[in-house]
Amino acid sequence: MTYSRDTTAISELTGETVSTWSEEWRIETEARTVLKISKQERDVFFNGRKDENGKTIDRGVVGIRGPQAAEAILEMARRLQEVRDAKK
């Protein structure tokens, strides 16, 4: 039996069809998540967290992918919020 799976979606940012396997889509979905979470959760998402002894237990985006990756997600979140605000 063969299954067909659609690997495209409509970008909320551009309104165009994009591949759900693309880097552009990955960053947009991360940006959507960032816009949904609280400031405290955002800080953990980007900067990680430490236990009560100061040991890192979650490195966050900056620790894993670096500051440029974190900035790309934040920039996408800003652009996405502007698009949402314009639609209101």
PDB file of N, CA and C in Angstrom:
ATOM      1  N   MET A   1       0.846  -1.173   0.000  1.00  0.00           N
ATOM      2  CA  MET A   1       0.000   0.000   0.000  1.00  0.00           C
ATOM      3  C   MET A   1       0.895   1.241   0.000  1.00  0.00           C
ATOM      4  N   THR A   2       0.599   2.204  -0.831  1.00  0.00           N
ATOM      5  CA  THR A   2       1.364   3.434  -0.940  1.00  0.00           C
ATOM      6  C   THR A   2       0.561   4.583  -0.345  1.00  0.00           C
ATOM      7  N   TYR A   3       1.228   5.371   0.473  1.00  0.00           N
ATOM      8  CA  TYR A   3       0.590   6.540   1.064  1.00  0.00           C
ATOM      9  C   TYR A   3       1.186   7.794   0.464  1.00  0.00           C
ATOM     10  N   SER A   4       0.347   8.762   0.220  1.00  0.00           N
ATOM     11  CA  SER A   4       0.797  10.048  -0.290  1.00  0.00           C
ATOM     12  C   SER A   4       0.674  11.069   0.829  1.00  0.00           C
ATOM     13  N   ARG A   5       1.697  11.847   0.991  1.00  0.00           N
ATOM     14  CA  ARG A   5       1.685  12.857   2.045  1.00  0.00           C
ATOM     15  C   ARG A   5       2.051  14.210   1.447  1.00  0.00           C
ATOM     16  N   ASP A   6       1.217  15.194   1.704  1.00  0.00           N
ATOM     17  CA  ASP A   6       1.487  16.529   1.205  1.00  0.00           C
ATOM     18  C   ASP A   6       2.612  17.142   2.037  1.00  0.00           C
ATOM     19  N   THR A   7       3.644  17.587   1.381  1.00  0.00           N
ATOM     20  CA  THR A   7       4.781  18.189   2.082  1.00  0.00           C
ATOM     21  C   THR A   7       4.896  19.677   1.779  1.00  0.00           C
ATOM     22  N   THR A   8       3.745  20.300   1.568  1.00  0.00           N
ATOM     23  CA  THR A   8       3.721  21.745   1.369  1.00  0.00           C
ATOM     24  C   THR A   8       2.708  22.365   2.319  1.00  0.00           C
ATOM     25  N   ALA A   9       2.898  23.635   2.560  1.00  0.00           N
ATOM     26  CA  ALA A   9       1.980  24.385   3.412  1.00  0.00           C
ATOM     27  C   ALA A   9       1.982  25.830   2.929  1.00  0.00           C
ATOM     28  N   ILE A  10       1.019  26.587   3.394  1.00  0.00           N
ATOM     29  CA  ILE A  10       0.949  28.003   3.056  1.00  0.00           C
ATOM     30  C   ILE A  10       1.656  28.790   4.159  1.00  0.00           C
ATOM     31  N   SER A  11       2.636  29.569   3.772  1.00  0.00           N
ATOM     32  CA  SER A  11       3.362  30.405   4.718  1.00  0.00           C
ATOM     33  C   SER A  11       2.459  31.535   5.200  1.00  0.00           C
ATOM     34  N   GLU A  12       2.344  31.672   6.501  1.00  0.00           N
ATOM     35  CA  GLU A  12       1.570  32.781   7.057  1.00  0.00           C
ATOM     36  C   GLU A  12       2.252  34.111   6.743  1.00  0.00           C
ATOM     37  N   LEU A  13       3.562  34.071   6.631  1.00  0.00           N
ATOM     38  CA  LEU A  13       4.336  35.279   6.381  1.00  0.00           C
ATOM     39  C   LEU A  13       4.173  35.791   4.960  1.00  0.00           C
ATOM     40  N   THR A  14       4.269  34.886   3.978  1.00  0.00           N
ATOM     41  CA  THR A  14       4.238  35.306   2.578  1.00  0.00           C
ATOM     42  C   THR A  14       2.942  34.985   1.862  1.00  0.00           C
ATOM     43  N   GLY A  15       2.160  34.039   2.407  1.00  0.00           N
ATOM     44  CA  GLY A  15       0.946  33.609   1.738  1.00  0.00           C
ATOM     45  C   GLY A  15       1.208  32.659   0.589  1.00  0.00           C
ATOM     46  N   GLU A  16       2.464  32.266   0.397  1.00  0.00           N
ATOM     47  CA  GLU A  16       2.837  31.382  -0.698  1.00  0.00           C
ATOM     48  C   GLU A  16       3.039  29.954  -0.197  1.00  0.00           C
ATOM     49  N   THR A  17       3.002  29.019  -1.127  1.00  0.00           N
ATOM     50  CA  THR A  17       3.245  27.624  -0.803  1.00  0.00           C
ATOM     51  C   THR A  17       4.736  27.408  -0.576  1.00  0.00           C
ATOM     52  N   VAL A  18       5.063  26.718   0.517  1.00  0.00           N
ATOM     53  CA  VAL A  18       6.456  26.389   0.813  1.00  0.00           C
ATOM     54  C   VAL A  18       6.554  24.906   1.171  1.00  0.00           C
ATOM     55  N   SER A  19       7.716  24.360   1.006  1.00  0.00           N
ATOM     56  CA  SER A  19       7.963  22.975   1.389  1.00  0.00           C
ATOM     57  C   SER A  19       8.068  22.890   2.910  1.00  0.00           C
ATOM     58  N   THR A  20       7.383  21.917   3.485  1.00  0.00           N
ATOM     59  CA  THR A  20       7.475  21.739   4.932  1.00  0.00           C
ATOM     60  C   THR A  20       8.808  21.108   5.335  1.00  0.00           C
ATOM     61  N   TRP A  21       9.636  20.801   4.372  1.00  0.00           N
ATOM     62  CA  TRP A  21      10.978  20.290   4.628  1.00  0.00           C
ATOM     63  C   TRP A  21      12.017  21.405   4.539  1.00  0.00           C
ATOM     64  N   SER A  22      11.600  22.615   4.222  1.00  0.00           N
ATOM     65  CA  SER A  22      12.552  23.706   4.000  1.00  0.00           C
ATOM     66  C   SER A  22      12.982  24.382   5.303  1.00  0.00           C
ATOM     67  N   GLU A  23      14.133  25.007   5.244  1.00  0.00           N
ATOM     68  CA  GLU A  23      14.657  25.779   6.363  1.00  0.00           C
ATOM     69  C   GLU A  23      13.729  26.957   6.664  1.00  0.00           C
ATOM     70  N   GLU A  24      13.213  27.570   5.618  1.00  0.00           N
ATOM     71  CA  GLU A  24      12.278  28.696   5.766  1.00  0.00           C
ATOM     72  C   GLU A  24      11.066  28.286   6.606  1.00  0.00           C
ATOM     73  N   TRP A  25      10.501  27.116   6.317  1.00  0.00           N
ATOM     74  CA  TRP A  25       9.327  26.636   7.042  1.00  0.00           C
ATOM     75  C   TRP A  25       9.687  26.318   8.488  1.00  0.00           C
ATOM     76  N   ARG A  26      10.858  25.710   8.708  1.00  0.00           N
ATOM     77  CA  ARG A  26      11.283  25.369  10.069  1.00  0.00           C
ATOM     78  C   ARG A  26      11.382  26.626  10.915  1.00  0.00           C
ATOM     79  N   ILE A  27      11.998  27.660  10.375  1.00  0.00           N
ATOM     80  CA  ILE A  27      12.145  28.904  11.133  1.00  0.00           C
ATOM     81  C   ILE A  27      10.789  29.558  11.369  1.00  0.00           C
ATOM     82  N   GLU A  28       9.908  29.529  10.364  1.00  0.00           N
ATOM     83  CA  GLU A  28       8.586  30.126  10.544  1.00  0.00           C
ATOM     84  C   GLU A  28       7.790  29.399  11.626  1.00  0.00           C
ATOM     85  N   THR A  29       7.861  28.078  11.655  1.00  0.00           N
ATOM     86  CA  THR A  29       7.118  27.352  12.681  1.00  0.00           C
ATOM     87  C   THR A  29       7.714  27.595  14.065  1.00  0.00           C
ATOM     88  N   GLU A  30       9.031  27.728  14.150  1.00  0.00           N
ATOM     89  CA  GLU A  30       9.649  28.071  15.437  1.00  0.00           C
ATOM     90  C   GLU A  30       9.210  29.472  15.871  1.00  0.00           C
ATOM     91  N   ALA A  31       9.144  30.394  14.917  1.00  0.00           N
ATOM     92  CA  ALA A  31       8.718  31.761  15.231  1.00  0.00           C
ATOM     93  C   ALA A  31       7.275  31.776  15.723  1.00  0.00           C
ATOM     94  N   ARG A  32       6.411  30.968  15.113  1.00  0.00           N
ATOM     95  CA  ARG A  32       5.029  30.889  15.578  1.00  0.00           C
ATOM     96  C   ARG A  32       4.963  30.381  17.008  1.00  0.00           C
ATOM     97  N   THR A  33       5.802  29.414  17.319  1.00  0.00           N
ATOM     98  CA  THR A  33       5.859  28.887  18.682  1.00  0.00           C
ATOM     99  C   THR A  33       6.328  29.958  19.651  1.00  0.00           C
ATOM    100  N   VAL A  34       7.353  30.698  19.279  1.00  0.00           N
ATOM    101  CA  VAL A  34       7.880  31.776  20.130  1.00  0.00           C
ATOM    102  C   VAL A  34       6.790  32.794  20.439  1.00  0.00           C
ATOM    103  N   LEU A  35       5.964  33.113  19.450  1.00  0.00           N
ATOM    104  CA  LEU A  35       4.900  34.091  19.668  1.00  0.00           C
ATOM    105  C   LEU A  35       3.798  33.568  20.596  1.00  0.00           C
ATOM    106  N   LYS A  36       3.709  32.260  20.754  1.00  0.00           N
ATOM    107  CA  LYS A  36       2.673  31.665  21.602  1.00  0.00           C
ATOM    108  C   LYS A  36       3.099  31.525  23.058  1.00  0.00           C
ATOM    109  N   ILE A  37       4.396  31.516  23.323  1.00  0.00           N
ATOM    110  CA  ILE A  37       4.859  31.203  24.677  1.00  0.00           C
ATOM    111  C   ILE A  37       5.151  32.461  25.492  1.00  0.00           C
ATOM    112  N   SER A  38       5.192  32.293  26.793  1.00  0.00           N
ATOM    113  CA  SER A  38       5.432  33.416  27.703  1.00  0.00           C
ATOM    114  C   SER A  38       6.883  33.899  27.620  1.00  0.00           C
ATOM    115  N   LYS A  39       7.139  35.077  28.166  1.00  0.00           N
ATOM    116  CA  LYS A  39       8.494  35.631  28.175  1.00  0.00           C
ATOM    117  C   LYS A  39       9.454  34.692  28.894  1.00  0.00           C
ATOM    118  N   GLN A  40       9.030  34.104  29.991  1.00  0.00           N
ATOM    119  CA  GLN A  40       9.886  33.179  30.733  1.00  0.00           C
ATOM    120  C   GLN A  40      10.210  31.941  29.893  1.00  0.00           C
ATOM    121  N   GLU A  41       9.204  31.412  29.212  1.00  0.00           N
ATOM    122  CA  GLU A  41       9.429  30.248  28.355  1.00  0.00           C
ATOM    123  C   GLU A  41      10.343  30.603  27.179  1.00  0.00           C
ATOM    124  N   ARG A  42      10.211  31.820  26.663  1.00  0.00           N
ATOM    125  CA  ARG A  42      11.090  32.266  25.572  1.00  0.00           C
ATOM    126  C   ARG A  42      12.538  32.306  26.036  1.00  0.00           C
ATOM    127  N   ASP A  43      12.750  32.816  27.229  1.00  0.00           N
ATOM    128  CA  ASP A  43      14.111  32.895  27.757  1.00  0.00           C
ATOM    129  C   ASP A  43      14.732  31.499  27.836  1.00  0.00           C
ATOM    130  N   VAL A  44      13.974  30.529  28.325  1.00  0.00           N
ATOM    131  CA  VAL A  44      14.477  29.150  28.412  1.00  0.00           C
ATOM    132  C   VAL A  44      14.695  28.582  27.015  1.00  0.00           C
ATOM    133  N   PHE A  45      13.768  28.823  26.102  1.00  0.00           N
ATOM    134  CA  PHE A  45      13.886  28.332  24.734  1.00  0.00           C
ATOM    135  C   PHE A  45      15.184  28.815  24.094  1.00  0.00           C
ATOM    136  N   PHE A  46      15.498  30.086  24.260  1.00  0.00           N
ATOM    137  CA  PHE A  46      16.691  30.647  23.628  1.00  0.00           C
ATOM    138  C   PHE A  46      17.972  30.449  24.439  1.00  0.00           C
ATOM    139  N   ASN A  47      17.892  30.592  25.743  1.00  0.00           N
ATOM    140  CA  ASN A  47      19.101  30.598  26.568  1.00  0.00           C
ATOM    141  C   ASN A  47      19.305  29.344  27.417  1.00  0.00           C
ATOM    142  N   GLY A  48      18.350  28.447  27.433  1.00  0.00           N
ATOM    143  CA  GLY A  48      18.477  27.225  28.214  1.00  0.00           C
ATOM    144  C   GLY A  48      18.184  27.472  29.680  1.00  0.00           C
ATOM    145  N   ARG A  49      18.525  26.496  30.500  1.00  0.00           N
ATOM    146  CA  ARG A  49      18.294  26.638  31.938  1.00  0.00           C
ATOM    147  C   ARG A  49      19.304  25.806  32.702  1.00  0.00           C
ATOM    148  N   LYS A  50      19.456  26.173  33.950  1.00  0.00           N
ATOM    149  CA  LYS A  50      20.384  25.489  34.839  1.00  0.00           C
ATOM    150  C   LYS A  50      19.619  24.961  36.043  1.00  0.00           C
ATOM    151  N   ASP A  51      20.172  23.932  36.689  1.00  0.00           N
ATOM    152  CA  ASP A  51      19.545  23.415  37.897  1.00  0.00           C
ATOM    153  C   ASP A  51      19.954  24.270  39.095  1.00  0.00           C
ATOM    154  N   GLU A  52      19.509  23.898  40.270  1.00  0.00           N
ATOM    155  CA  GLU A  52      19.780  24.693  41.472  1.00  0.00           C
ATOM    156  C   GLU A  52      21.265  24.781  41.809  1.00  0.00           C
ATOM    157  N   ASN A  53      22.079  23.884  41.240  1.00  0.00           N
ATOM    158  CA  ASN A  53      23.528  23.905  41.477  1.00  0.00           C
ATOM    159  C   ASN A  53      24.288  24.653  40.383  1.00  0.00           C
ATOM    160  N   GLY A  54      23.554  25.213  39.422  1.00  0.00           N
ATOM    161  CA  GLY A  54      24.185  25.956  38.336  1.00  0.00           C
ATOM    162  C   GLY A  54      24.616  25.095  37.165  1.00  0.00           C
ATOM    163  N   LYS A  55      24.271  23.827  37.201  1.00  0.00           N
ATOM    164  CA  LYS A  55      24.612  22.920  36.106  1.00  0.00           C
ATOM    165  C   LYS A  55      23.597  23.084  34.980  1.00  0.00           C
ATOM    166  N   THR A  56      24.104  23.206  33.757  1.00  0.00           N
ATOM    167  CA  THR A  56      23.228  23.352  32.596  1.00  0.00           C
ATOM    168  C   THR A  56      22.452  22.058  32.373  1.00  0.00           C
ATOM    169  N   ILE A  57      21.129  22.199  32.306  1.00  0.00           N
ATOM    170  CA  ILE A  57      20.289  21.036  32.024  1.00  0.00           C
ATOM    171  C   ILE A  57      19.567  21.168  30.684  1.00  0.00           C
ATOM    172  N   ASP A  58      19.612  22.358  30.103  1.00  0.00           N
ATOM    173  CA  ASP A  58      19.020  22.607  28.790  1.00  0.00           C
ATOM    174  C   ASP A  58      19.803  23.774  28.186  1.00  0.00           C
ATOM    175  N   ARG A  59      20.457  23.547  27.062  1.00  0.00           N
ATOM    176  CA  ARG A  59      21.313  24.591  26.480  1.00  0.00           C
ATOM    177  C   ARG A  59      20.559  25.648  25.700  1.00  0.00           C
ATOM    178  N   GLY A  60      19.374  25.378  25.238  1.00  0.00           N
ATOM    179  CA  GLY A  60      18.602  26.345  24.476  1.00  0.00           C
ATOM    180  C   GLY A  60      19.155  26.537  23.073  1.00  0.00           C
ATOM    181  N   VAL A  61      18.482  27.348  22.286  1.00  0.00           N
ATOM    182  CA  VAL A  61      18.864  27.581  20.898  1.00  0.00           C
ATOM    183  C   VAL A  61      20.261  28.189  20.809  1.00  0.00           C
ATOM    184  N   VAL A  62      20.562  29.176  21.626  1.00  0.00           N
ATOM    185  CA  VAL A  62      21.868  29.831  21.566  1.00  0.00           C
ATOM    186  C   VAL A  62      22.984  28.828  21.845  1.00  0.00           C
ATOM    187  N   GLY A  63      22.808  28.004  22.863  1.00  0.00           N
ATOM    188  CA  GLY A  63      23.827  27.035  23.221  1.00  0.00           C
ATOM    189  C   GLY A  63      24.003  25.913  22.212  1.00  0.00           C
ATOM    190  N   ILE A  64      22.940  25.565  21.527  1.00  0.00           N
ATOM    191  CA  ILE A  64      22.999  24.454  20.574  1.00  0.00           C
ATOM    192  C   ILE A  64      23.350  24.931  19.168  1.00  0.00           C
ATOM    193  N   ARG A  65      22.645  25.969  18.698  1.00  0.00           N
ATOM    194  CA  ARG A  65      22.815  26.406  17.305  1.00  0.00           C
ATOM    195  C   ARG A  65      23.569  27.720  17.153  1.00  0.00           C
ATOM    196  N   GLY A  66      23.731  28.441  18.248  1.00  0.00           N
ATOM    197  CA  GLY A  66      24.466  29.701  18.202  1.00  0.00           C
ATOM    198  C   GLY A  66      23.560  30.920  18.145  1.00  0.00           C
ATOM    199  N   PRO A  67      24.150  32.089  18.415  1.00  0.00           N
ATOM    200  CA  PRO A  67      23.363  33.332  18.471  1.00  0.00           C
ATOM    201  C   PRO A  67      22.750  33.738  17.131  1.00  0.00           C
ATOM    202  N   GLN A  68      23.386  33.404  16.021  1.00  0.00           N
ATOM    203  CA  GLN A  68      22.817  33.780  14.719  1.00  0.00           C
ATOM    204  C   GLN A  68      21.510  33.043  14.460  1.00  0.00           C
ATOM    205  N   ALA A  69      21.439  31.780  14.856  1.00  0.00           N
ATOM    206  CA  ALA A  69      20.198  31.012  14.684  1.00  0.00           C
ATOM    207  C   ALA A  69      19.094  31.607  15.546  1.00  0.00           C
ATOM    208  N   ALA A  70      19.432  31.974  16.775  1.00  0.00           N
ATOM    209  CA  ALA A  70      18.442  32.583  17.664  1.00  0.00           C
ATOM    210  C   ALA A  70      17.944  33.900  17.082  1.00  0.00           C
ATOM    211  N   GLU A  71      18.848  34.690  16.544  1.00  0.00           N
ATOM    212  CA  GLU A  71      18.459  35.976  15.950  1.00  0.00           C
ATOM    213  C   GLU A  71      17.574  35.773  14.727  1.00  0.00           C
ATOM    214  N   ALA A  72      17.836  34.744  13.939  1.00  0.00           N
ATOM    215  CA  ALA A  72      16.996  34.461  12.761  1.00  0.00           C
ATOM    216  C   ALA A  72      15.565  34.138  13.191  1.00  0.00           C
ATOM    217  N   ILE A  73      15.428  33.368  14.253  1.00  0.00           N
ATOM    218  CA  ILE A  73      14.090  33.021  14.748  1.00  0.00           C
ATOM    219  C   ILE A  73      13.389  34.262  15.297  1.00  0.00           C
ATOM    220  N   LEU A  74      14.124  35.071  16.068  1.00  0.00           N
ATOM    221  CA  LEU A  74      13.534  36.296  16.619  1.00  0.00           C
ATOM    222  C   LEU A  74      13.122  37.269  15.516  1.00  0.00           C
ATOM    223  N   GLU A  75      13.943  37.398  14.486  1.00  0.00           N
ATOM    224  CA  GLU A  75      13.610  38.280  13.363  1.00  0.00           C
ATOM    225  C   GLU A  75      12.364  37.776  12.647  1.00  0.00           C
ATOM    226  N   MET A  76      12.273  36.470  12.447  1.00  0.00           N
ATOM    227  CA  MET A  76      11.087  35.899  11.813  1.00  0.00           C
ATOM    228  C   MET A  76       9.855  36.148  12.682  1.00  0.00           C
ATOM    229  N   ALA A  77       9.994  36.014  13.997  1.00  0.00           N
ATOM    230  CA  ALA A  77       8.869  36.266  14.906  1.00  0.00           C
ATOM    231  C   ALA A  77       8.415  37.720  14.809  1.00  0.00           C
ATOM    232  N   ARG A  78       9.366  38.645  14.729  1.00  0.00           N
ATOM    233  CA  ARG A  78       9.007  40.065  14.576  1.00  0.00           C
ATOM    234  C   ARG A  78       8.251  40.301  13.267  1.00  0.00           C
ATOM    235  N   ARG A  79       8.762  39.727  12.176  1.00  0.00           N
ATOM    236  CA  ARG A  79       8.110  39.891  10.873  1.00  0.00           C
ATOM    237  C   ARG A  79       6.716  39.270  10.879  1.00  0.00           C
ATOM    238  N   LEU A  80       6.601  38.107  11.477  1.00  0.00           N
ATOM    239  CA  LEU A  80       5.309  37.420  11.553  1.00  0.00           C
ATOM    240  C   LEU A  80       4.313  38.230  12.373  1.00  0.00           C
ATOM    241  N   GLN A  81       4.767  38.818  13.469  1.00  0.00           N
ATOM    242  CA  GLN A  81       3.881  39.647  14.287  1.00  0.00           C
ATOM    243  C   GLN A  81       3.421  40.879  13.519  1.00  0.00           C
ATOM    244  N   GLU A  82       4.319  41.460  12.716  1.00  0.00           N
ATOM    245  CA  GLU A  82       3.939  42.609  11.882  1.00  0.00           C
ATOM    246  C   GLU A  82       2.854  42.210  10.867  1.00  0.00           C
ATOM    247  N   VAL A  83       2.980  41.042  10.259  1.00  0.00           N
ATOM    248  CA  VAL A  83       1.978  40.567   9.311  1.00  0.00           C
ATOM    249  C   VAL A  83       0.642  40.370  10.008  1.00  0.00           C
ATOM    250  N   ARG A  84       0.687  39.772  11.192  1.00  0.00           N
ATOM    251  CA  ARG A  84      -0.546  39.559  11.964  1.00  0.00           C
ATOM    252  C   ARG A  84      -1.186  40.878  12.358  1.00  0.00           C
ATOM    253  N   ASP A  85      -0.385  41.825  12.799  1.00  0.00           N
ATOM    254  CA  ASP A  85      -0.917  43.129  13.199  1.00  0.00           C
ATOM    255  C   ASP A  85      -1.540  43.862  12.018  1.00  0.00           C
ATOM    256  N   ALA A  86      -0.940  43.729  10.844  1.00  0.00           N
ATOM    257  CA  ALA A  86      -1.456  44.386   9.638  1.00  0.00           C
ATOM    258  C   ALA A  86      -2.807  43.817   9.224  1.00  0.00           C
ATOM    259  N   LYS A  87      -3.052  42.564   9.535  1.00  0.00           N
ATOM    260  CA  LYS A  87      -4.314  41.918   9.162  1.00  0.00           C
ATOM    261  C   LYS A  87      -5.462  42.299  10.087  1.00  0.00           C
ATOM    262  N   LYS A  88      -5.147  42.868  11.236  1.00  0.00           N
ATOM    263  CA  LYS A  88      -6.193  43.228  12.223  1.00  0.00           C
ATOM    264  C   LYS A  88      -6.938  44.464  11.833  1.00  0.00           C
TER     265      LYS A  88
END
